[in-house]
Amino acid sequence: MEKTIDPTTHIALDYGLAATQIIGPELLGLGVRANAVGTLFGLAYGATAALTDTPLAITRAIPFSTHGAMELPSIAAMAVVPWLTGASKRPMAKVFFLSCVGMALMNYLKTDFSAQPESEDLGVADVSDAAEEALEPLLRT
């Protein structure tokens, strides 16, 4: 499989997954356990992304290669914990958690963890501009 995702894009996708895990269970009405498990994984994913050595980091404390080594155990836990805790009893909860696992796994498989992150820090305006640029083709009518 070709590794087409660079470090900055990987972390941006991790932030998106973290937000999805935190707000998704509540928005979908998946129940208290699903909210707790989703929040747990969302906070862990978001915190790890915020500490990983990329331009989107709050603090560059975790080397990107180490972030990559942490991914598979995290994805495995994301696949198992909802079932062990009963958070995925509802059919919609099963779909939600499996979708999160799928997104995380594809991000992992498509990322080149040997790539060196950019050295410049990006601000909110840079991220907003990149998001607008990426969404532009989708918004054309």
N, C-alpha and C. Protein backbone atom coordinates (compact mmCIF):
# COMPACT_ATOMS: atom_id res chain seq x y z
N MET A 1 0.84 -1.17 0.00
CA MET A 1 0.00 0.00 0.00
C MET A 1 0.89 1.24 0.00
N GLU A 2 0.58 2.17 -0.88
CA GLU A 2 1.37 3.39 -0.98
C GLU A 2 1.11 4.29 0.22
N LYS A 3 2.18 4.83 0.78
CA LYS A 3 2.11 5.69 1.97
C LYS A 3 1.98 7.14 1.50
N THR A 4 0.77 7.62 1.35
CA THR A 4 0.53 8.95 0.77
C THR A 4 0.21 10.03 1.80
N ILE A 5 0.10 9.68 3.06
CA ILE A 5 -0.26 10.66 4.09
C ILE A 5 1.00 11.13 4.81
N ASP A 6 1.22 12.45 4.79
CA ASP A 6 2.39 13.02 5.45
C ASP A 6 2.08 13.28 6.94
N PRO A 7 3.10 13.60 7.74
CA PRO A 7 2.88 13.78 9.18
C PRO A 7 1.81 14.82 9.54
N THR A 8 1.83 15.97 8.88
CA THR A 8 0.87 17.02 9.20
C THR A 8 -0.55 16.57 8.90
N THR A 9 -0.75 15.95 7.75
CA THR A 9 -2.08 15.47 7.39
C THR A 9 -2.53 14.37 8.36
N HIS A 10 -1.62 13.50 8.73
CA HIS A 10 -1.95 12.43 9.68
C HIS A 10 -2.49 13.02 10.99
N ILE A 11 -1.79 14.01 11.51
CA ILE A 11 -2.20 14.61 12.78
C ILE A 11 -3.52 15.36 12.61
N ALA A 12 -3.72 16.02 11.48
CA ALA A 12 -5.00 16.70 11.24
C ALA A 12 -6.14 15.68 11.24
N LEU A 13 -5.92 14.53 10.62
CA LEU A 13 -6.94 13.48 10.62
C LEU A 13 -7.15 12.92 12.03
N ASP A 14 -6.07 12.81 12.81
CA ASP A 14 -6.21 12.37 14.20
C ASP A 14 -7.05 13.34 15.02
N TYR A 15 -6.83 14.65 14.81
CA TYR A 15 -7.66 15.64 15.50
C TYR A 15 -9.14 15.48 15.12
N GLY A 16 -9.39 15.25 13.84
CA GLY A 16 -10.77 15.05 13.39
C GLY A 16 -11.39 13.82 14.02
N LEU A 17 -10.63 12.73 14.09
CA LEU A 17 -11.12 11.51 14.71
C LEU A 17 -11.36 11.73 16.19
N ALA A 18 -10.47 12.45 16.84
CA ALA A 18 -10.65 12.73 18.27
C ALA A 18 -11.95 13.50 18.51
N ALA A 19 -12.19 14.51 17.70
CA ALA A 19 -13.43 15.29 17.84
C ALA A 19 -14.66 14.42 17.58
N THR A 20 -14.57 13.57 16.58
CA THR A 20 -15.68 12.66 16.26
C THR A 20 -15.97 11.74 17.43
N GLN A 21 -14.93 11.19 18.03
CA GLN A 21 -15.12 10.28 19.16
C GLN A 21 -15.70 10.98 20.37
N ILE A 22 -15.35 12.23 20.57
CA ILE A 22 -15.86 12.97 21.73
C ILE A 22 -17.31 13.38 21.54
N ILE A 23 -17.65 13.92 20.37
CA ILE A 23 -19.01 14.44 20.20
C ILE A 23 -19.97 13.47 19.54
N GLY A 24 -19.45 12.48 18.82
CA GLY A 24 -20.30 11.55 18.08
C GLY A 24 -21.30 10.78 18.92
N PRO A 25 -20.86 10.12 19.99
CA PRO A 25 -21.82 9.34 20.78
C PRO A 25 -22.97 10.17 21.35
N GLU A 26 -22.66 11.40 21.76
CA GLU A 26 -23.72 12.27 22.29
C GLU A 26 -24.68 12.68 21.19
N LEU A 27 -24.13 13.11 20.06
CA LEU A 27 -24.98 13.54 18.94
C LEU A 27 -25.86 12.41 18.42
N LEU A 28 -25.34 11.20 18.46
CA LEU A 28 -26.09 10.05 17.95
C LEU A 28 -26.96 9.39 19.02
N GLY A 29 -26.88 9.87 20.25
CA GLY A 29 -27.68 9.30 21.33
C GLY A 29 -27.33 7.85 21.62
N LEU A 30 -26.03 7.55 21.71
CA LEU A 30 -25.57 6.17 21.87
C LEU A 30 -25.54 5.69 23.31
N GLY A 31 -25.79 6.56 24.26
CA GLY A 31 -25.85 6.15 25.66
C GLY A 31 -24.62 6.55 26.46
N VAL A 32 -24.75 6.40 27.77
CA VAL A 32 -23.73 6.85 28.71
C VAL A 32 -22.41 6.11 28.52
N ARG A 33 -22.45 4.81 28.37
CA ARG A 33 -21.19 4.05 28.21
C ARG A 33 -20.48 4.44 26.92
N ALA A 34 -21.23 4.56 25.85
CA ALA A 34 -20.62 4.96 24.57
C ALA A 34 -20.03 6.36 24.67
N ASN A 35 -20.73 7.27 25.36
CA ASN A 35 -20.20 8.62 25.57
C ASN A 35 -18.88 8.56 26.33
N ALA A 36 -18.84 7.76 27.39
CA ALA A 36 -17.63 7.66 28.21
C ALA A 36 -16.46 7.07 27.42
N VAL A 37 -16.72 5.98 26.72
CA VAL A 37 -15.65 5.33 25.95
C VAL A 37 -15.19 6.24 24.81
N GLY A 38 -16.13 6.85 24.11
CA GLY A 38 -15.78 7.76 23.02
C GLY A 38 -14.95 8.93 23.53
N THR A 39 -15.35 9.50 24.64
CA THR A 39 -14.60 10.62 25.23
C THR A 39 -13.20 10.18 25.64
N LEU A 40 -13.09 9.02 26.25
CA LEU A 40 -11.79 8.49 26.66
C LEU A 40 -10.85 8.39 25.45
N PHE A 41 -11.32 7.75 24.39
CA PHE A 41 -10.46 7.59 23.21
C PHE A 41 -10.22 8.92 22.50
N GLY A 42 -11.24 9.76 22.45
CA GLY A 42 -11.08 11.07 21.81
C GLY A 42 -10.05 11.93 22.52
N LEU A 43 -10.11 11.95 23.85
CA LEU A 43 -9.12 12.73 24.59
C LEU A 43 -7.71 12.16 24.44
N ALA A 44 -7.60 10.84 24.47
CA ALA A 44 -6.28 10.21 24.30
C ALA A 44 -5.72 10.50 22.91
N TYR A 45 -6.55 10.36 21.87
CA TYR A 45 -6.10 10.62 20.51
C TYR A 45 -5.73 12.08 20.32
N GLY A 46 -6.59 12.96 20.84
CA GLY A 46 -6.33 14.40 20.70
C GLY A 46 -5.08 14.83 21.45
N ALA A 47 -4.90 14.32 22.66
CA ALA A 47 -3.71 14.68 23.45
C ALA A 47 -2.44 14.17 22.78
N THR A 48 -2.49 12.95 22.27
CA THR A 48 -1.31 12.41 21.58
C THR A 48 -0.98 13.24 20.35
N ALA A 49 -1.99 13.62 19.59
CA ALA A 49 -1.77 14.45 18.40
C ALA A 49 -1.19 15.81 18.80
N ALA A 50 -1.71 16.39 19.87
CA ALA A 50 -1.25 17.71 20.31
C ALA A 50 0.20 17.70 20.79
N LEU A 51 0.70 16.53 21.17
CA LEU A 51 2.06 16.43 21.68
C LEU A 51 3.05 15.86 20.66
N THR A 52 2.57 15.52 19.47
CA THR A 52 3.43 14.90 18.46
C THR A 52 4.14 15.96 17.62
N ASP A 53 5.39 15.71 17.33
CA ASP A 53 6.27 16.63 16.62
C ASP A 53 5.81 16.85 15.18
N THR A 54 4.85 17.76 15.03
CA THR A 54 4.38 18.21 13.71
C THR A 54 4.03 19.69 13.84
N PRO A 55 3.83 20.39 12.72
CA PRO A 55 3.44 21.80 12.80
C PRO A 55 2.10 22.03 13.52
N LEU A 56 1.27 21.02 13.65
CA LEU A 56 -0.02 21.18 14.31
C LEU A 56 0.04 20.90 15.81
N ALA A 57 1.22 20.61 16.33
CA ALA A 57 1.38 20.28 17.75
C ALA A 57 1.25 21.52 18.62
N ILE A 58 0.79 21.29 19.83
CA ILE A 58 0.82 22.34 20.84
C ILE A 58 2.22 22.36 21.45
N THR A 59 2.75 21.17 21.71
CA THR A 59 4.13 20.98 22.18
C THR A 59 4.69 19.77 21.47
N ARG A 60 5.88 19.91 20.91
CA ARG A 60 6.50 18.82 20.14
C ARG A 60 7.28 17.88 21.05
N ALA A 61 6.56 17.07 21.82
CA ALA A 61 7.19 16.20 22.82
C ALA A 61 7.36 14.75 22.34
N ILE A 62 6.53 14.31 21.40
CA ILE A 62 6.57 12.91 20.95
C ILE A 62 7.08 12.88 19.51
N PRO A 63 8.19 12.19 19.25
CA PRO A 63 8.64 12.05 17.86
C PRO A 63 7.56 11.38 17.00
N PHE A 64 7.48 11.78 15.74
CA PHE A 64 6.44 11.24 14.87
C PHE A 64 6.56 9.73 14.72
N SER A 65 7.78 9.20 14.69
CA SER A 65 7.95 7.75 14.58
C SER A 65 7.41 7.04 15.82
N THR A 66 7.56 7.65 16.99
CA THR A 66 7.01 7.08 18.22
C THR A 66 5.48 7.13 18.18
N HIS A 67 4.94 8.22 17.67
CA HIS A 67 3.49 8.33 17.49
C HIS A 67 3.00 7.14 16.65
N GLY A 68 3.74 6.84 15.59
CA GLY A 68 3.37 5.71 14.73
C GLY A 68 3.40 4.38 15.46
N ALA A 69 4.41 4.20 16.33
CA ALA A 69 4.51 2.97 17.10
C ALA A 69 3.37 2.82 18.10
N MET A 70 2.81 3.95 18.54
CA MET A 70 1.70 3.93 19.50
C MET A 70 0.35 3.67 18.83
N GLU A 71 0.28 3.84 17.52
CA GLU A 71 -1.00 3.75 16.81
C GLU A 71 -1.65 2.37 16.86
N LEU A 72 -0.93 1.32 16.52
CA LEU A 72 -1.56 -0.01 16.46
C LEU A 72 -2.13 -0.45 17.80
N PRO A 73 -1.40 -0.29 18.91
CA PRO A 73 -2.02 -0.65 20.20
C PRO A 73 -3.27 0.20 20.49
N SER A 74 -3.23 1.46 20.10
CA SER A 74 -4.40 2.33 20.31
C SER A 74 -5.59 1.86 19.48
N ILE A 75 -5.32 1.51 18.24
CA ILE A 75 -6.39 1.04 17.36
C ILE A 75 -6.95 -0.29 17.86
N ALA A 76 -6.08 -1.16 18.33
CA ALA A 76 -6.54 -2.44 18.89
C ALA A 76 -7.43 -2.20 20.11
N ALA A 77 -7.02 -1.29 20.98
CA ALA A 77 -7.85 -0.97 22.15
C ALA A 77 -9.18 -0.37 21.72
N MET A 78 -9.15 0.48 20.70
CA MET A 78 -10.37 1.09 20.19
C MET A 78 -11.33 0.03 19.62
N ALA A 79 -10.76 -1.06 19.14
CA ALA A 79 -11.58 -2.14 18.58
C ALA A 79 -12.17 -3.04 19.66
N VAL A 80 -11.52 -3.13 20.81
CA VAL A 80 -11.92 -4.09 21.84
C VAL A 80 -12.70 -3.46 23.00
N VAL A 81 -12.26 -2.30 23.47
CA VAL A 81 -12.84 -1.70 24.68
C VAL A 81 -14.35 -1.46 24.58
N PRO A 82 -14.88 -0.96 23.45
CA PRO A 82 -16.33 -0.76 23.40
C PRO A 82 -17.13 -2.05 23.63
N TRP A 83 -16.60 -3.18 23.19
CA TRP A 83 -17.29 -4.46 23.39
C TRP A 83 -17.12 -4.94 24.83
N LEU A 84 -15.95 -4.76 25.40
CA LEU A 84 -15.71 -5.20 26.78
C LEU A 84 -16.53 -4.40 27.79
N THR A 85 -16.76 -3.14 27.50
CA THR A 85 -17.48 -2.28 28.43
C THR A 85 -18.99 -2.25 28.19
N GLY A 86 -19.44 -2.85 27.11
CA GLY A 86 -20.86 -2.80 26.78
C GLY A 86 -21.26 -1.51 26.09
N ALA A 87 -20.29 -0.70 25.70
CA ALA A 87 -20.59 0.58 25.05
C ALA A 87 -21.15 0.41 23.64
N SER A 88 -20.93 -0.77 23.06
CA SER A 88 -21.38 -1.00 21.68
C SER A 88 -22.58 -1.94 21.60
N LYS A 89 -23.40 -1.96 22.63
CA LYS A 89 -24.57 -2.86 22.62
C LYS A 89 -25.59 -2.46 21.56
N ARG A 90 -25.78 -1.18 21.37
CA ARG A 90 -26.75 -0.70 20.37
C ARG A 90 -26.16 -0.86 18.97
N PRO A 91 -26.98 -1.22 18.00
CA PRO A 91 -26.46 -1.37 16.63
C PRO A 91 -25.76 -0.12 16.10
N MET A 92 -26.33 1.05 16.38
CA MET A 92 -25.70 2.29 15.91
C MET A 92 -24.35 2.51 16.58
N ALA A 93 -24.22 2.10 17.84
CA ALA A 93 -22.94 2.23 18.55
C ALA A 93 -21.89 1.31 17.91
N LYS A 94 -22.30 0.10 17.53
CA LYS A 94 -21.36 -0.80 16.85
C LYS A 94 -20.84 -0.17 15.57
N VAL A 95 -21.75 0.40 14.78
CA VAL A 95 -21.35 1.05 13.53
C VAL A 95 -20.42 2.23 13.83
N PHE A 96 -20.76 3.01 14.83
CA PHE A 96 -19.94 4.17 15.18
C PHE A 96 -18.52 3.75 15.55
N PHE A 97 -18.39 2.82 16.48
CA PHE A 97 -17.06 2.42 16.94
C PHE A 97 -16.27 1.71 15.85
N LEU A 98 -16.92 0.87 15.06
CA LEU A 98 -16.22 0.23 13.94
C LEU A 98 -15.77 1.25 12.90
N SER A 99 -16.57 2.28 12.69
CA SER A 99 -16.18 3.34 11.76
C SER A 99 -14.95 4.08 12.26
N CYS A 100 -14.91 4.36 13.56
CA CYS A 100 -13.74 5.03 14.15
C CYS A 100 -12.49 4.16 13.99
N VAL A 101 -12.64 2.87 14.22
CA VAL A 101 -11.51 1.95 14.05
C VAL A 101 -11.06 1.96 12.59
N GLY A 102 -12.01 1.91 11.68
CA GLY A 102 -11.68 1.93 10.25
C GLY A 102 -10.95 3.20 9.84
N MET A 103 -11.42 4.35 10.33
CA MET A 103 -10.75 5.62 10.01
C MET A 103 -9.33 5.63 10.56
N ALA A 104 -9.17 5.21 11.80
CA ALA A 104 -7.84 5.21 12.42
C ALA A 104 -6.91 4.23 11.70
N LEU A 105 -7.43 3.07 11.34
CA LEU A 105 -6.61 2.07 10.67
C LEU A 105 -6.17 2.53 9.29
N MET A 106 -7.06 3.13 8.53
CA MET A 106 -6.67 3.63 7.20
C MET A 106 -5.66 4.76 7.31
N ASN A 107 -5.84 5.65 8.28
CA ASN A 107 -4.88 6.72 8.49
C ASN A 107 -3.51 6.14 8.82
N TYR A 108 -3.49 5.12 9.66
CA TYR A 108 -2.24 4.45 10.02
C TYR A 108 -1.59 3.78 8.80
N LEU A 109 -2.37 3.01 8.07
CA LEU A 109 -1.82 2.25 6.94
C LEU A 109 -1.32 3.14 5.81
N LYS A 110 -1.91 4.30 5.63
CA LYS A 110 -1.54 5.19 4.52
C LYS A 110 -0.47 6.22 4.90
N THR A 111 -0.03 6.22 6.16
CA THR A 111 0.92 7.23 6.63
C THR A 111 2.36 6.72 6.56
N ASP A 112 3.23 7.61 6.11
CA ASP A 112 4.67 7.34 6.09
C ASP A 112 5.26 7.85 7.40
N PHE A 113 5.43 6.96 8.37
CA PHE A 113 5.92 7.35 9.68
C PHE A 113 7.42 7.62 9.69
N SER A 114 8.10 7.33 8.59
CA SER A 114 9.52 7.66 8.51
C SER A 114 9.74 9.07 7.96
N ALA A 115 8.67 9.72 7.49
CA ALA A 115 8.78 11.08 6.95
C ALA A 115 9.09 12.06 8.07
N GLN A 116 9.85 13.07 7.73
CA GLN A 116 10.18 14.11 8.70
C GLN A 116 9.10 15.19 8.67
N PRO A 117 8.59 15.55 9.85
CA PRO A 117 7.59 16.62 9.90
C PRO A 117 8.20 17.95 9.49
N GLU A 118 7.35 18.86 9.00
CA GLU A 118 7.80 20.20 8.67
C GLU A 118 8.28 20.88 9.94
N SER A 119 9.19 21.83 9.78
CA SER A 119 9.74 22.48 10.97
C SER A 119 8.94 23.72 11.39
N GLU A 120 8.20 24.32 10.47
CA GLU A 120 7.46 25.52 10.85
C GLU A 120 6.16 25.17 11.57
N ASP A 121 5.80 26.02 12.50
CA ASP A 121 4.54 25.84 13.21
C ASP A 121 3.42 26.49 12.41
N LEU A 122 2.27 25.87 12.41
CA LEU A 122 1.11 26.41 11.73
C LEU A 122 0.13 26.96 12.75
N GLY A 123 -0.49 28.06 12.41
CA GLY A 123 -1.50 28.63 13.29
C GLY A 123 -2.89 28.23 12.84
N VAL A 124 -3.88 28.72 13.57
CA VAL A 124 -5.27 28.41 13.25
C VAL A 124 -5.63 28.91 11.85
N ALA A 125 -5.13 30.08 11.48
CA ALA A 125 -5.42 30.62 10.15
C ALA A 125 -4.87 29.71 9.05
N ASP A 126 -3.67 29.15 9.27
CA ASP A 126 -3.09 28.23 8.28
C ASP A 126 -3.95 26.99 8.12
N VAL A 127 -4.40 26.44 9.23
CA VAL A 127 -5.23 25.24 9.20
C VAL A 127 -6.57 25.55 8.52
N SER A 128 -7.14 26.70 8.84
CA SER A 128 -8.41 27.12 8.24
C SER A 128 -8.25 27.28 6.73
N ASP A 129 -7.17 27.92 6.30
CA ASP A 129 -6.91 28.09 4.87
C ASP A 129 -6.75 26.74 4.17
N ALA A 130 -6.04 25.82 4.80
CA ALA A 130 -5.85 24.49 4.21
C ALA A 130 -7.17 23.75 4.12
N ALA A 131 -8.01 23.88 5.14
CA ALA A 131 -9.32 23.21 5.12
C ALA A 131 -10.19 23.78 3.99
N GLU A 132 -10.19 25.11 3.85
CA GLU A 132 -10.97 25.73 2.77
C GLU A 132 -10.48 25.26 1.41
N GLU A 133 -9.18 25.20 1.24
CA GLU A 133 -8.59 24.76 -0.02
C GLU A 133 -8.98 23.31 -0.33
N ALA A 134 -8.96 22.46 0.70
CA ALA A 134 -9.29 21.05 0.50
C ALA A 134 -10.78 20.87 0.19
N LEU A 135 -11.63 21.71 0.78
CA LEU A 135 -13.07 21.56 0.59
C LEU A 135 -13.59 22.27 -0.65
N GLU A 136 -12.81 23.16 -1.22
CA GLU A 136 -13.24 23.96 -2.36
C GLU A 136 -13.84 23.13 -3.50
N PRO A 137 -13.17 22.05 -3.94
CA PRO A 137 -13.76 21.25 -5.04
C PRO A 137 -15.11 20.63 -4.66
N LEU A 138 -15.31 20.33 -3.39
CA LEU A 138 -16.55 19.71 -2.96
C LEU A 138 -17.70 20.71 -2.88
N LEU A 139 -17.36 22.00 -2.72
CA LEU A 139 -18.38 23.02 -2.55
C LEU A 139 -18.81 23.66 -3.85
N ARG A 140 -18.11 23.38 -4.92
CA ARG A 140 -18.49 23.93 -6.24
C ARG A 140 -19.81 23.32 -6.69
N THR A 141 -20.66 24.18 -7.23
CA THR A 141 -21.95 23.66 -7.72
C THR A 141 -22.09 23.85 -9.19
